[in-house]
Structure formats: C-alpha cells, structure tokens
Amino acid sequence: MPTFELSRAICGLDKATLESLLAAAAQRLHDISATPVLDAQVLLRDVVRGRAPSAQNSTGVLSTGERDAFEALIERRSCGEPVAYIRGEREFWSLSFFVTRATLIPRPDTETLVERALIHIPTTDVLDVADLGTGCGAIALALATERPHCRIAATDRSPDALAVAALNIQRHNLENVALREGDWLHALPDSGYNVIVSNPPYVAADDPHLNAPEVRYEPRDALLGGADGLDALRQIIETARTHLRQNGYLLVEHGYDQGGDARALFSAHGYTRVASYRDLAGNERVTEALWPYRNRAK
C-alpha cells in the first residue's frame, strides 16, 4: 500500500488522524476485501479531493461532512459493493473508464486479450476491428488508442452499457470507435472484419463465484454463459466466420478452465492456427484462431 507520508500529502491529514481513520475502516472491511487498507485509503482520498487549499493546509482532521461522507462510502464497501462502482471509474490499460452497474468492471486478466489482438493489428495498416459485448468500452478504446488509424466497431445489446461506452469515448476524445446496439454480431454487417475480439459471458450457471459479494453487484447477463458457461462462445465462434475477411482473426476471452473447450470449438468450425494464451496468473485466458477461407461459411 502507499505510505502514510504519501497519503498524508494527498489527504492533508495529520498522521495520527490518518492512521486512526484507516485502521477503523480497514477493520470493517477485513472480511469483505482482500485489500481493506487500500480500499479505505482510496475512498478517503476521494472524500478529501475537493477540499479547498486552505482546508488542506490549516486542518489535520476531517470536517463533520467529510466524516459522514467517508462513513457512507465505507458502509457501501462493507456491504460488498466494489470500489469501482462506488467511485464510478476503473483503470484499464493505463486508461481511466467510467463504470456503472450496467457494465462489468474491467479486469487486468482482460489485458491479455488486448495484447494478443494488437499482435494481429499492424501499426501501419488500416484495418476493421470489432469488439463484441463492449460494456464500458475498455477493450475497444484500448485498441483504438494503440491503433488510431484503425476503424473499431463496438457492439452491445444493452443501451445502458453503450451510454457508458459513449461517455468513455468522449472522455478520451477518440474518433475511430463506432458503437452499435445489438446482440453480438447481429449489430454488424456481414463480412469485412480483419480482427474480431470478445470478452463474452462465460461463467457457468452453478459456479459458486457468482455468490461472491462483489460479483453480485455486476450485471448477471454479462456474466452467465449458460449451463456450462459456453453458450456465448459457441455462438460467437460459429457466426464470426461470416463476418471475418479471409485470414482474419477471432480472439475470445474465457474462463481459466475453458481453454480446451474453446480450442475444440474453433477447430470444429474450420478455423486454423488455434492457440490459447495465459494471463499474468498463469491461467489460460484467451484463445485465438484464424479464419482461412473466403465466404466459405455463408
């Protein structure tokens, strides 16, 4: 965690006050969070962010209003609400994204999907790329930032999610991302895409992780992938063939134990160069494949 000295400089609080506030808050969050002190520190920093310079310099304690605000945030966190939803934003690919309960919270594991996609998008080529189920737009905007010359289409069936993605496009002043409302590839014209990426729902209906306190706050339809977690993956892998140009790539994120299933689906539908890649935790997280044919799937 950051040092007390850094926190003091940010918050304008004396060390004793800071230690007391963080210790009490962290104790309340101990059973709900893997990083209780860091959570408390981030929320406290948000509370005092709007302080006037005079208040920062002349007082080492929180005002009554600030204490009440901090207490309210800690109460929300103690009930399991993720810090990202409380704050309304989350960092991904070194970019800050607005998030709401209409969108999943971007996770570091998904950066593996971005990394692999960039390998198939040369820095000089003008390509057409699609991101299916974009949510807050994290994947699409990461790709758009790294490859500003490419055309990125981002789809989602949730109007509320697309509204958040639109805010993020505006926030990062990107002009090469177009939002499309619809279910997966139904929102896009047939053919024409060099690279298609997706982080679809892939959690099985009976997965105990769905009962985790933080996960309960995320949109269920963005998590659940049917009885075995593979429903969306099956649909995307099958239908993407009609939307990919010859020698185009499809890349999908999946569960840590679904790499073998994803490879089998790709192979069964005629893709080649099928390969899976691991995230930073060492789990198979992304499977990609090349579609070698011209219009064969139609």
Protein backbone atom coordinates (compact mmCIF):
# COMPACT_ATOMS: atom_id res chain seq x y z
CA MET A 1 0.00 0.00 0.00
CA PRO A 2 1.16 3.61 -0.37
CA THR A 3 3.00 5.02 2.65
CA PHE A 4 1.33 7.13 5.29
CA GLU A 5 3.52 10.01 4.17
CA LEU A 6 2.13 9.82 0.63
CA SER A 7 -1.40 9.52 1.95
CA ARG A 8 -0.88 12.48 4.24
CA ALA A 9 0.36 14.59 1.35
CA ILE A 10 -2.71 13.66 -0.69
CA CYS A 11 -5.28 13.96 2.06
CA GLY A 12 -3.91 16.87 4.07
CA LEU A 13 -4.40 14.92 7.30
CA ASP A 14 -2.02 14.50 10.18
CA LYS A 15 -0.53 11.07 10.66
CA ALA A 16 -2.46 10.20 13.83
CA THR A 17 -5.78 11.10 12.24
CA LEU A 18 -4.94 9.16 9.11
CA GLU A 19 -3.86 6.05 10.99
CA SER A 20 -6.97 6.09 13.16
CA LEU A 21 -9.35 6.53 10.23
CA LEU A 22 -7.73 3.86 8.08
CA ALA A 23 -7.39 1.35 10.92
CA ALA A 24 -11.06 1.62 11.86
CA ALA A 25 -12.23 1.46 8.25
CA ALA A 26 -9.94 -1.43 7.37
CA GLN A 27 -11.22 -3.41 10.33
CA ARG A 28 -14.77 -3.05 8.99
CA LEU A 29 -13.66 -4.16 5.53
CA HIS A 30 -11.46 -7.02 6.67
CA ASP A 31 -13.94 -9.79 5.90
CA ILE A 32 -15.17 -8.34 2.60
CA SER A 33 -11.98 -7.20 0.86
CA ALA A 34 -8.56 -8.65 0.10
CA THR A 35 -7.14 -5.10 0.29
CA PRO A 36 -9.05 -3.39 3.11
CA VAL A 37 -6.50 -0.67 3.90
CA LEU A 38 -6.03 0.24 0.25
CA ASP A 39 -9.81 0.37 -0.27
CA ALA A 40 -10.20 2.67 2.71
CA GLN A 41 -7.35 4.87 1.56
CA VAL A 42 -8.75 5.24 -1.97
CA LEU A 43 -12.20 6.16 -0.65
CA LEU A 44 -10.77 8.61 1.87
CA ARG A 45 -8.74 10.28 -0.85
CA ASP A 46 -11.92 10.73 -2.90
CA VAL A 47 -13.68 12.35 0.05
CA VAL A 48 -10.96 14.97 0.58
CA ARG A 49 -10.17 15.50 -3.10
CA GLY A 50 -12.46 18.51 -3.29
CA ARG A 51 -11.06 20.24 -0.23
CA ALA A 52 -10.13 23.86 -0.58
CA PRO A 53 -6.38 24.52 -0.34
CA SER A 54 -6.94 26.45 2.89
CA ALA A 55 -8.62 23.44 4.47
CA GLN A 56 -5.82 21.15 3.36
CA ASN A 57 -3.18 23.38 4.85
CA SER A 58 -4.85 24.51 8.05
CA THR A 59 -6.62 21.41 9.37
CA GLY A 60 -5.38 17.94 10.08
CA VAL A 61 -8.82 16.45 10.67
CA LEU A 62 -11.94 15.75 8.67
CA SER A 63 -14.93 18.03 8.86
CA THR A 64 -18.24 16.58 10.02
CA GLY A 65 -19.44 16.46 6.43
CA GLU A 66 -16.29 14.67 5.29
CA ARG A 67 -16.59 12.13 8.11
CA ASP A 68 -20.19 11.44 7.19
CA ALA A 69 -19.27 11.05 3.51
CA PHE A 70 -16.40 8.70 4.34
CA GLU A 71 -18.64 6.67 6.64
CA ALA A 72 -21.22 6.32 3.87
CA LEU A 73 -18.60 5.05 1.40
CA ILE A 74 -17.17 2.55 3.90
CA GLU A 75 -20.69 1.30 4.62
CA ARG A 76 -21.28 0.68 0.92
CA ARG A 77 -17.97 -1.15 0.63
CA SER A 78 -18.67 -3.22 3.75
CA CYS A 79 -21.85 -4.48 2.07
CA GLY A 80 -19.75 -5.82 -0.79
CA GLU A 81 -20.16 -3.06 -3.38
CA PRO A 82 -16.96 -2.91 -5.45
CA VAL A 83 -14.77 0.15 -5.11
CA ALA A 84 -15.04 0.72 -8.87
CA TYR A 85 -18.83 1.12 -8.65
CA ILE A 86 -18.58 3.32 -5.57
CA ARG A 87 -16.09 5.60 -7.31
CA GLY A 88 -17.72 5.29 -10.73
CA GLU A 89 -14.49 4.52 -12.54
CA ARG A 90 -11.79 1.92 -13.05
CA GLU A 91 -8.37 1.90 -14.71
CA PHE A 92 -7.65 -0.47 -17.58
CA TRP A 93 -4.71 -0.40 -20.00
CA SER A 94 -3.49 2.76 -18.19
CA LEU A 95 -6.75 4.50 -19.14
CA SER A 96 -9.50 5.57 -16.77
CA PHE A 97 -13.02 4.37 -17.59
CA PHE A 98 -16.41 5.34 -16.26
CA VAL A 99 -18.24 2.26 -15.00
CA THR A 100 -21.75 1.71 -13.67
CA ARG A 101 -23.73 -1.33 -12.59
CA ALA A 102 -24.82 -1.61 -16.23
CA THR A 103 -21.27 -2.67 -17.14
CA LEU A 104 -18.78 -5.21 -15.93
CA ILE A 105 -15.73 -3.88 -14.13
CA PRO A 106 -12.67 -4.22 -16.41
CA ARG A 107 -10.16 -6.68 -15.00
CA PRO A 108 -6.39 -7.00 -15.50
CA ASP A 109 -6.83 -10.50 -16.99
CA THR A 110 -8.56 -8.95 -20.00
CA GLU A 111 -5.42 -7.02 -20.91
CA THR A 112 -4.17 -10.35 -22.27
CA LEU A 113 -6.91 -10.12 -24.91
CA VAL A 114 -5.80 -6.61 -25.88
CA GLU A 115 -2.15 -7.67 -26.05
CA ARG A 116 -2.92 -10.58 -28.36
CA ALA A 117 -5.22 -8.52 -30.58
CA LEU A 118 -2.55 -5.86 -31.08
CA ILE A 119 -0.19 -8.51 -32.43
CA HIS A 120 -2.65 -9.07 -35.28
CA ILE A 121 -3.18 -5.36 -35.95
CA PRO A 122 -0.02 -3.92 -37.55
CA THR A 123 0.82 -0.37 -36.56
CA THR A 124 0.66 0.86 -40.14
CA ASP A 125 -2.32 -1.00 -41.65
CA VAL A 126 -5.81 0.47 -41.71
CA LEU A 127 -7.94 -2.45 -40.54
CA ASP A 128 -11.53 -3.02 -39.48
CA VAL A 129 -11.85 -4.38 -35.96
CA ALA A 130 -14.93 -5.38 -33.95
CA ASP A 131 -15.36 -5.72 -30.20
CA LEU A 132 -18.41 -7.79 -29.24
CA GLY A 133 -20.14 -7.08 -25.94
CA THR A 134 -18.12 -3.95 -25.31
CA GLY A 135 -19.65 -2.94 -21.97
CA CYS A 136 -17.93 0.24 -20.82
CA GLY A 137 -15.79 0.09 -23.97
CA ALA A 138 -12.49 -0.82 -22.27
CA ILE A 139 -11.24 -3.28 -24.91
CA ALA A 140 -12.38 -1.22 -27.90
CA LEU A 141 -10.91 2.00 -26.54
CA ALA A 142 -7.63 0.35 -25.60
CA LEU A 143 -7.30 -0.90 -29.17
CA ALA A 144 -8.41 2.45 -30.60
CA THR A 145 -5.79 4.26 -28.53
CA GLU A 146 -3.00 1.94 -29.63
CA ARG A 147 -4.13 1.79 -33.28
CA PRO A 148 -5.71 5.20 -34.03
CA HIS A 149 -5.65 4.55 -37.78
CA CYS A 150 -7.99 1.54 -37.49
CA ARG A 151 -11.79 1.52 -37.55
CA ILE A 152 -13.25 -0.03 -34.40
CA ALA A 153 -16.88 -1.18 -34.17
CA ALA A 154 -18.08 -1.91 -30.63
CA THR A 155 -21.35 -3.76 -30.05
CA ASP A 156 -23.55 -4.35 -27.03
CA ARG A 157 -27.20 -5.27 -26.64
CA SER A 158 -27.54 -3.06 -23.54
CA PRO A 159 -28.39 0.59 -24.27
CA ASP A 160 -27.28 1.50 -20.75
CA ALA A 161 -23.87 -0.08 -21.31
CA LEU A 162 -23.50 1.71 -24.64
CA ALA A 163 -24.31 5.01 -22.94
CA VAL A 164 -21.37 4.43 -20.58
CA ALA A 165 -19.13 3.48 -23.51
CA ALA A 166 -20.14 6.70 -25.29
CA LEU A 167 -19.07 8.72 -22.25
CA ASN A 168 -15.72 6.97 -22.26
CA ILE A 169 -15.22 7.65 -25.97
CA GLN A 170 -15.88 11.31 -25.26
CA ARG A 171 -13.63 11.24 -22.21
CA HIS A 172 -10.68 10.01 -24.26
CA ASN A 173 -11.52 12.07 -27.35
CA LEU A 174 -11.49 9.09 -29.70
CA GLU A 175 -12.93 9.39 -33.19
CA ASN A 176 -12.24 5.88 -34.53
CA VAL A 177 -14.78 3.95 -32.43
CA ALA A 178 -18.38 3.44 -33.58
CA LEU A 179 -20.97 1.98 -31.20
CA ARG A 180 -23.58 -0.48 -32.47
CA GLU A 181 -26.55 -1.76 -30.48
CA GLY A 182 -27.32 -5.43 -30.92
CA ASP A 183 -26.58 -8.98 -29.82
CA TRP A 184 -23.00 -9.92 -30.69
CA LEU A 185 -22.54 -9.96 -34.48
CA HIS A 186 -26.17 -9.15 -35.28
CA ALA A 187 -25.30 -5.47 -34.86
CA LEU A 188 -22.70 -5.64 -37.65
CA PRO A 189 -22.82 -6.07 -41.42
CA ASP A 190 -21.67 -9.40 -42.81
CA SER A 191 -18.01 -9.70 -43.73
CA GLY A 192 -15.32 -7.09 -43.73
CA TYR A 193 -13.54 -7.50 -40.39
CA ASN A 194 -9.85 -8.23 -40.08
CA VAL A 195 -9.94 -8.85 -36.34
CA ILE A 196 -12.85 -9.61 -34.01
CA VAL A 197 -12.42 -9.70 -30.24
CA SER A 198 -14.82 -10.52 -27.45
CA ASN A 199 -14.95 -10.96 -23.71
CA PRO A 200 -18.37 -12.65 -23.55
CA PRO A 201 -20.22 -14.14 -20.57
CA TYR A 202 -18.52 -17.43 -19.72
CA VAL A 203 -19.49 -18.25 -16.13
CA ALA A 204 -21.46 -21.46 -15.69
CA ALA A 205 -24.86 -21.16 -14.01
CA ASP A 206 -23.78 -23.23 -10.99
CA ASP A 207 -20.40 -21.55 -10.50
CA PRO A 208 -20.03 -20.65 -6.79
CA HIS A 209 -18.09 -17.49 -7.72
CA LEU A 210 -21.41 -15.93 -8.69
CA ASN A 211 -22.18 -15.71 -4.97
CA ALA A 212 -19.08 -13.65 -4.19
CA PRO A 213 -20.10 -10.33 -2.59
CA GLU A 214 -18.59 -8.13 -5.29
CA VAL A 215 -19.81 -10.22 -8.22
CA ARG A 216 -23.41 -9.90 -7.00
CA TYR A 217 -23.31 -6.23 -7.99
CA GLU A 218 -22.31 -6.86 -11.61
CA PRO A 219 -24.88 -7.36 -14.41
CA ARG A 220 -25.86 -11.03 -14.43
CA ASP A 221 -26.39 -11.25 -18.19
CA ALA A 222 -22.81 -10.08 -18.73
CA LEU A 223 -21.52 -12.97 -16.59
CA LEU A 224 -23.72 -16.00 -17.21
CA GLY A 225 -22.79 -18.19 -20.16
CA GLY A 226 -25.45 -20.86 -19.78
CA ALA A 227 -25.34 -24.22 -18.01
CA ASP A 228 -21.70 -24.88 -18.91
CA GLY A 229 -20.60 -21.29 -19.49
CA LEU A 230 -20.03 -21.82 -23.21
CA ASP A 231 -23.27 -20.59 -24.81
CA ALA A 232 -21.94 -17.20 -25.94
CA LEU A 233 -18.60 -18.66 -27.01
CA ARG A 234 -20.36 -21.23 -29.19
CA GLN A 235 -22.48 -18.56 -30.87
CA ILE A 236 -19.61 -16.14 -31.46
CA ILE A 237 -17.18 -18.74 -32.80
CA GLU A 238 -19.79 -20.09 -35.20
CA THR A 239 -21.18 -16.81 -36.51
CA ALA A 240 -17.93 -14.84 -36.69
CA ARG A 241 -16.96 -16.87 -39.74
CA THR A 242 -19.40 -14.88 -41.88
CA HIS A 243 -18.01 -11.57 -40.67
CA LEU A 244 -14.28 -12.18 -40.96
CA ARG A 245 -12.27 -11.42 -44.03
CA GLN A 246 -10.11 -14.21 -45.37
CA ASN A 247 -7.21 -14.76 -42.95
CA GLY A 248 -8.93 -12.66 -40.32
CA TYR A 249 -8.57 -13.47 -36.62
CA LEU A 250 -11.11 -14.10 -33.88
CA LEU A 251 -9.93 -13.79 -30.27
CA VAL A 252 -12.08 -14.61 -27.24
CA GLU A 253 -11.58 -14.43 -23.52
CA HIS A 254 -12.82 -17.39 -21.46
CA GLY A 255 -12.65 -18.99 -18.04
CA TYR A 256 -9.42 -20.35 -16.63
CA ASP A 257 -10.57 -23.94 -17.27
CA GLN A 258 -12.23 -23.41 -20.67
CA GLY A 259 -9.20 -23.25 -22.95
CA GLY A 260 -9.62 -26.82 -24.16
CA ASP A 261 -13.31 -26.27 -24.89
CA ALA A 262 -12.57 -23.07 -26.81
CA ARG A 263 -9.89 -24.75 -28.92
CA ALA A 264 -12.25 -27.61 -29.73
CA LEU A 265 -14.98 -25.19 -30.82
CA PHE A 266 -12.61 -23.31 -33.10
CA SER A 267 -11.31 -26.48 -34.69
CA ALA A 268 -14.81 -27.93 -35.16
CA HIS A 269 -15.84 -24.84 -37.14
CA GLY A 270 -12.90 -24.87 -39.55
CA TYR A 271 -10.57 -22.29 -38.01
CA THR A 272 -6.83 -22.82 -38.15
CA ARG A 273 -3.82 -21.67 -36.11
CA VAL A 274 -5.81 -22.24 -32.94
CA ALA A 275 -3.86 -21.30 -29.81
CA SER A 276 -4.51 -20.31 -26.20
CA TYR A 277 -2.58 -17.80 -24.12
CA ARG A 278 -2.17 -17.36 -20.39
CA ASP A 279 -2.84 -14.34 -18.20
CA LEU A 280 -0.46 -13.00 -15.57
CA ALA A 281 -1.73 -15.57 -13.08
CA GLY A 282 -0.71 -18.38 -15.44
CA ASN A 283 -4.25 -19.37 -16.41
CA GLU A 284 -5.36 -19.97 -19.99
CA ARG A 285 -7.42 -16.85 -20.59
CA VAL A 286 -7.54 -16.09 -24.33
CA THR A 287 -7.95 -18.37 -27.33
CA GLU A 288 -7.47 -17.11 -30.87
CA ALA A 289 -7.75 -18.60 -34.34
CA LEU A 290 -7.50 -17.66 -38.00
CA TRP A 291 -10.36 -17.96 -40.49
CA PRO A 292 -8.57 -19.06 -43.70
CA TYR A 293 -11.47 -19.12 -46.17
CA ARG A 294 -13.25 -16.59 -48.34
CA ASN A 295 -17.02 -16.61 -47.75
CA ARG A 296 -16.96 -20.35 -47.07
CA ALA A 297 -19.17 -20.14 -44.00
CA LYS A 298 -22.05 -18.38 -45.75
